[in-house]
Amino acid sequence: MNHIVTVQDAVTAFADFMEPTPAELAAIDAEMPVILADVELLDAHILTLDRTPSEVDVRRIRRARRRALAARVALVNRQAGRSDGAA
């Protein structure tokens, strides 16, 4: 008789009782400024999909791009500072 225990692992891997760990929640929280800045950039791009971007649209996209880049730089700097202190 063949047992299907390996199938059970695959089925229960995504069960409702599986919650994110505190470390995963902390990682999401740390990346939230980057996520929000990327959403803002996408919103700025979506506004111009069906028309020619005006000067205001171009400034909005440029500003959102700078915010997204600044959020990424801040995240990398925080991670670098944390890894230097742990070493």
N, C-alpha and C. Protein backbone atom coordinates (compact mmCIF):
# COMPACT_ATOMS: atom_id res chain seq x y z
N MET A 1 0.84 -1.17 0.00
CA MET A 1 0.00 0.00 0.00
C MET A 1 0.90 1.24 0.00
N ASN A 2 0.58 2.21 -0.86
CA ASN A 2 1.34 3.47 -0.94
C ASN A 2 0.64 4.53 -0.09
N HIS A 3 1.43 5.19 0.73
CA HIS A 3 0.89 6.26 1.56
C HIS A 3 1.01 7.59 0.83
N ILE A 4 0.13 8.50 1.10
CA ILE A 4 0.13 9.80 0.43
C ILE A 4 0.53 10.92 1.39
N VAL A 5 1.46 10.63 2.25
CA VAL A 5 1.90 11.61 3.24
C VAL A 5 2.53 12.83 2.56
N THR A 6 3.27 12.63 1.48
CA THR A 6 3.91 13.77 0.82
C THR A 6 2.87 14.71 0.22
N VAL A 7 1.75 14.17 -0.21
CA VAL A 7 0.69 15.02 -0.74
C VAL A 7 0.08 15.84 0.39
N GLN A 8 -0.04 15.26 1.57
CA GLN A 8 -0.59 15.99 2.71
C GLN A 8 0.26 17.21 3.03
N ASP A 9 1.59 17.07 2.96
CA ASP A 9 2.47 18.21 3.21
C ASP A 9 2.22 19.33 2.22
N ALA A 10 2.02 18.97 0.96
CA ALA A 10 1.77 19.99 -0.05
C ALA A 10 0.42 20.67 0.16
N VAL A 11 -0.57 19.93 0.62
CA VAL A 11 -1.90 20.49 0.82
C VAL A 11 -1.93 21.38 2.05
N THR A 12 -1.30 20.96 3.14
CA THR A 12 -1.36 21.73 4.38
C THR A 12 -0.32 22.84 4.44
N ALA A 13 0.54 22.94 3.46
CA ALA A 13 1.54 24.00 3.47
C ALA A 13 0.90 25.38 3.40
N PHE A 14 -0.26 25.48 2.82
CA PHE A 14 -0.94 26.76 2.68
C PHE A 14 -2.24 26.80 3.47
N ALA A 15 -2.32 26.07 4.54
CA ALA A 15 -3.53 26.02 5.35
C ALA A 15 -3.73 27.35 6.07
N ASP A 16 -4.96 27.56 6.54
CA ASP A 16 -5.32 28.82 7.19
C ASP A 16 -4.55 29.06 8.48
N PHE A 17 -4.12 28.01 9.15
CA PHE A 17 -3.44 28.20 10.42
C PHE A 17 -2.00 28.68 10.26
N MET A 18 -1.52 28.71 9.05
CA MET A 18 -0.14 29.16 8.80
C MET A 18 -0.15 30.69 8.77
N GLU A 19 0.45 31.30 9.75
CA GLU A 19 0.53 32.75 9.86
C GLU A 19 1.95 33.20 9.56
N PRO A 20 2.12 34.43 9.11
CA PRO A 20 3.49 34.92 8.92
C PRO A 20 4.21 35.02 10.26
N THR A 21 5.48 34.74 10.21
CA THR A 21 6.29 34.81 11.43
C THR A 21 6.55 36.27 11.78
N PRO A 22 6.94 36.55 13.01
CA PRO A 22 7.29 37.93 13.36
C PRO A 22 8.41 38.50 12.49
N ALA A 23 9.35 37.66 12.09
CA ALA A 23 10.44 38.13 11.22
C ALA A 23 9.91 38.51 9.84
N GLU A 24 8.97 37.73 9.32
CA GLU A 24 8.38 38.07 8.02
C GLU A 24 7.57 39.36 8.11
N LEU A 25 6.83 39.53 9.19
CA LEU A 25 6.06 40.77 9.37
C LEU A 25 6.98 41.97 9.52
N ALA A 26 8.11 41.79 10.21
CA ALA A 26 9.08 42.88 10.36
C ALA A 26 9.70 43.23 9.01
N ALA A 27 9.96 42.22 8.17
CA ALA A 27 10.52 42.48 6.84
C ALA A 27 9.53 43.25 5.97
N ILE A 28 8.26 42.87 6.04
CA ILE A 28 7.23 43.58 5.28
C ILE A 28 7.11 45.02 5.78
N ASP A 29 7.14 45.19 7.09
CA ASP A 29 7.04 46.53 7.67
C ASP A 29 8.24 47.39 7.25
N ALA A 30 9.42 46.80 7.19
CA ALA A 30 10.61 47.54 6.79
C ALA A 30 10.55 47.95 5.31
N GLU A 31 9.92 47.12 4.49
CA GLU A 31 9.84 47.39 3.05
C GLU A 31 8.61 48.22 2.67
N MET A 32 7.74 48.51 3.62
CA MET A 32 6.50 49.22 3.31
C MET A 32 6.73 50.59 2.66
N PRO A 33 7.70 51.41 3.08
CA PRO A 33 7.91 52.69 2.37
C PRO A 33 8.26 52.49 0.89
N VAL A 34 9.01 51.45 0.59
CA VAL A 34 9.36 51.16 -0.81
C VAL A 34 8.11 50.73 -1.58
N ILE A 35 7.31 49.89 -0.96
CA ILE A 35 6.08 49.43 -1.62
C ILE A 35 5.14 50.60 -1.90
N LEU A 36 4.96 51.46 -0.92
CA LEU A 36 4.06 52.61 -1.11
C LEU A 36 4.60 53.58 -2.16
N ALA A 37 5.92 53.78 -2.18
CA ALA A 37 6.50 54.67 -3.19
C ALA A 37 6.34 54.07 -4.59
N ASP A 38 6.49 52.75 -4.71
CA ASP A 38 6.29 52.10 -6.00
C ASP A 38 4.83 52.20 -6.45
N VAL A 39 3.90 52.09 -5.52
CA VAL A 39 2.48 52.23 -5.86
C VAL A 39 2.21 53.65 -6.35
N GLU A 40 2.80 54.63 -5.69
CA GLU A 40 2.63 56.02 -6.12
C GLU A 40 3.19 56.22 -7.53
N LEU A 41 4.33 55.63 -7.81
CA LEU A 41 4.91 55.73 -9.15
C LEU A 41 4.02 55.06 -10.19
N LEU A 42 3.49 53.90 -9.87
CA LEU A 42 2.57 53.22 -10.79
C LEU A 42 1.31 54.05 -11.02
N ASP A 43 0.79 54.66 -9.97
CA ASP A 43 -0.39 55.52 -10.13
C ASP A 43 -0.10 56.69 -11.06
N ALA A 44 1.09 57.26 -10.93
CA ALA A 44 1.46 58.38 -11.79
C ALA A 44 1.55 57.93 -13.25
N HIS A 45 2.07 56.74 -13.46
CA HIS A 45 2.16 56.22 -14.83
C HIS A 45 0.78 55.86 -15.38
N ILE A 46 -0.06 55.29 -14.54
CA ILE A 46 -1.40 54.89 -14.99
C ILE A 46 -2.21 56.10 -15.43
N LEU A 47 -2.03 57.22 -14.74
CA LEU A 47 -2.76 58.43 -15.12
C LEU A 47 -2.47 58.87 -16.55
N THR A 48 -1.31 58.54 -17.06
CA THR A 48 -0.91 59.01 -18.39
C THR A 48 -1.03 57.94 -19.47
N LEU A 49 -1.64 56.81 -19.18
CA LEU A 49 -1.72 55.75 -20.17
C LEU A 49 -2.56 56.12 -21.39
N ASP A 50 -3.64 56.83 -21.18
CA ASP A 50 -4.55 57.09 -22.29
C ASP A 50 -4.44 58.50 -22.87
N ARG A 51 -3.38 59.21 -22.51
CA ARG A 51 -3.21 60.56 -23.04
C ARG A 51 -1.74 60.92 -23.06
N THR A 52 -1.46 61.99 -23.75
CA THR A 52 -0.10 62.50 -23.77
C THR A 52 0.17 63.19 -22.43
N PRO A 53 1.27 62.84 -21.77
CA PRO A 53 1.54 63.45 -20.46
C PRO A 53 1.75 64.96 -20.57
N SER A 54 1.08 65.69 -19.70
CA SER A 54 1.28 67.14 -19.63
C SER A 54 2.53 67.42 -18.80
N GLU A 55 2.88 68.68 -18.68
CA GLU A 55 4.04 69.05 -17.88
C GLU A 55 3.82 68.67 -16.42
N VAL A 56 2.61 68.81 -15.94
CA VAL A 56 2.29 68.42 -14.56
C VAL A 56 2.45 66.91 -14.38
N ASP A 57 2.00 66.14 -15.38
CA ASP A 57 2.16 64.70 -15.32
C ASP A 57 3.63 64.29 -15.30
N VAL A 58 4.42 64.95 -16.12
CA VAL A 58 5.85 64.65 -16.17
C VAL A 58 6.49 64.94 -14.82
N ARG A 59 6.13 66.05 -14.21
CA ARG A 59 6.67 66.38 -12.88
C ARG A 59 6.21 65.39 -11.83
N ARG A 60 4.95 64.96 -11.92
CA ARG A 60 4.42 63.98 -10.97
C ARG A 60 5.18 62.66 -11.08
N ILE A 61 5.43 62.21 -12.30
CA ILE A 61 6.18 60.97 -12.51
C ILE A 61 7.61 61.12 -12.02
N ARG A 62 8.23 62.23 -12.34
CA ARG A 62 9.61 62.45 -11.91
C ARG A 62 9.70 62.49 -10.38
N ARG A 63 8.76 63.16 -9.74
CA ARG A 63 8.74 63.23 -8.28
C ARG A 63 8.52 61.85 -7.66
N ALA A 64 7.60 61.09 -8.23
CA ALA A 64 7.33 59.74 -7.72
C ALA A 64 8.53 58.82 -7.93
N ARG A 65 9.21 58.98 -9.06
CA ARG A 65 10.42 58.18 -9.32
C ARG A 65 11.50 58.50 -8.30
N ARG A 66 11.66 59.80 -7.98
CA ARG A 66 12.66 60.18 -6.97
C ARG A 66 12.30 59.63 -5.60
N ARG A 67 11.02 59.68 -5.24
CA ARG A 67 10.60 59.13 -3.95
C ARG A 67 10.84 57.63 -3.87
N ALA A 68 10.55 56.93 -4.96
CA ALA A 68 10.77 55.48 -4.98
C ALA A 68 12.26 55.17 -4.84
N LEU A 69 13.08 55.91 -5.54
CA LEU A 69 14.53 55.70 -5.44
C LEU A 69 15.03 56.02 -4.04
N ALA A 70 14.54 57.11 -3.46
CA ALA A 70 14.96 57.49 -2.10
C ALA A 70 14.52 56.43 -1.08
N ALA A 71 13.34 55.87 -1.26
CA ALA A 71 12.87 54.83 -0.34
C ALA A 71 13.74 53.58 -0.46
N ARG A 72 14.13 53.23 -1.68
CA ARG A 72 15.01 52.07 -1.86
C ARG A 72 16.38 52.31 -1.25
N VAL A 73 16.92 53.50 -1.45
CA VAL A 73 18.23 53.84 -0.87
C VAL A 73 18.16 53.78 0.65
N ALA A 74 17.10 54.32 1.22
CA ALA A 74 16.95 54.31 2.68
C ALA A 74 16.86 52.88 3.20
N LEU A 75 16.14 52.02 2.49
CA LEU A 75 16.03 50.62 2.91
C LEU A 75 17.38 49.92 2.86
N VAL A 76 18.12 50.13 1.78
CA VAL A 76 19.44 49.51 1.65
C VAL A 76 20.38 50.02 2.73
N ASN A 77 20.32 51.32 3.02
CA ASN A 77 21.18 51.88 4.06
C ASN A 77 20.83 51.31 5.44
N ARG A 78 19.53 51.15 5.71
CA ARG A 78 19.13 50.55 6.99
C ARG A 78 19.62 49.11 7.09
N GLN A 79 19.50 48.36 6.00
CA GLN A 79 19.94 46.96 6.02
C GLN A 79 21.46 46.88 6.16
N ALA A 80 22.18 47.77 5.51
CA ALA A 80 23.64 47.77 5.61
C ALA A 80 24.07 48.13 7.03
N GLY A 81 23.40 49.09 7.64
CA GLY A 81 23.72 49.48 9.00
C GLY A 81 23.44 48.37 9.99
N ARG A 82 22.39 47.63 9.75
CA ARG A 82 22.04 46.52 10.64
C ARG A 82 23.04 45.38 10.50
N SER A 83 23.48 45.09 9.27
CA SER A 83 24.42 43.99 9.08
C SER A 83 25.82 44.36 9.59
N ASP A 84 26.20 45.64 9.54
CA ASP A 84 27.49 46.05 10.07
C ASP A 84 27.50 45.93 11.58
N GLY A 85 26.41 46.26 12.22
CA GLY A 85 26.34 46.18 13.67
C GLY A 85 26.32 44.74 14.16
N ALA A 86 25.78 43.83 13.35
CA ALA A 86 25.69 42.43 13.78
C ALA A 86 26.99 41.69 13.59
N ALA A 87 27.87 42.19 12.73
CA ALA A 87 29.10 41.46 12.43
C ALA A 87 30.14 41.60 13.50
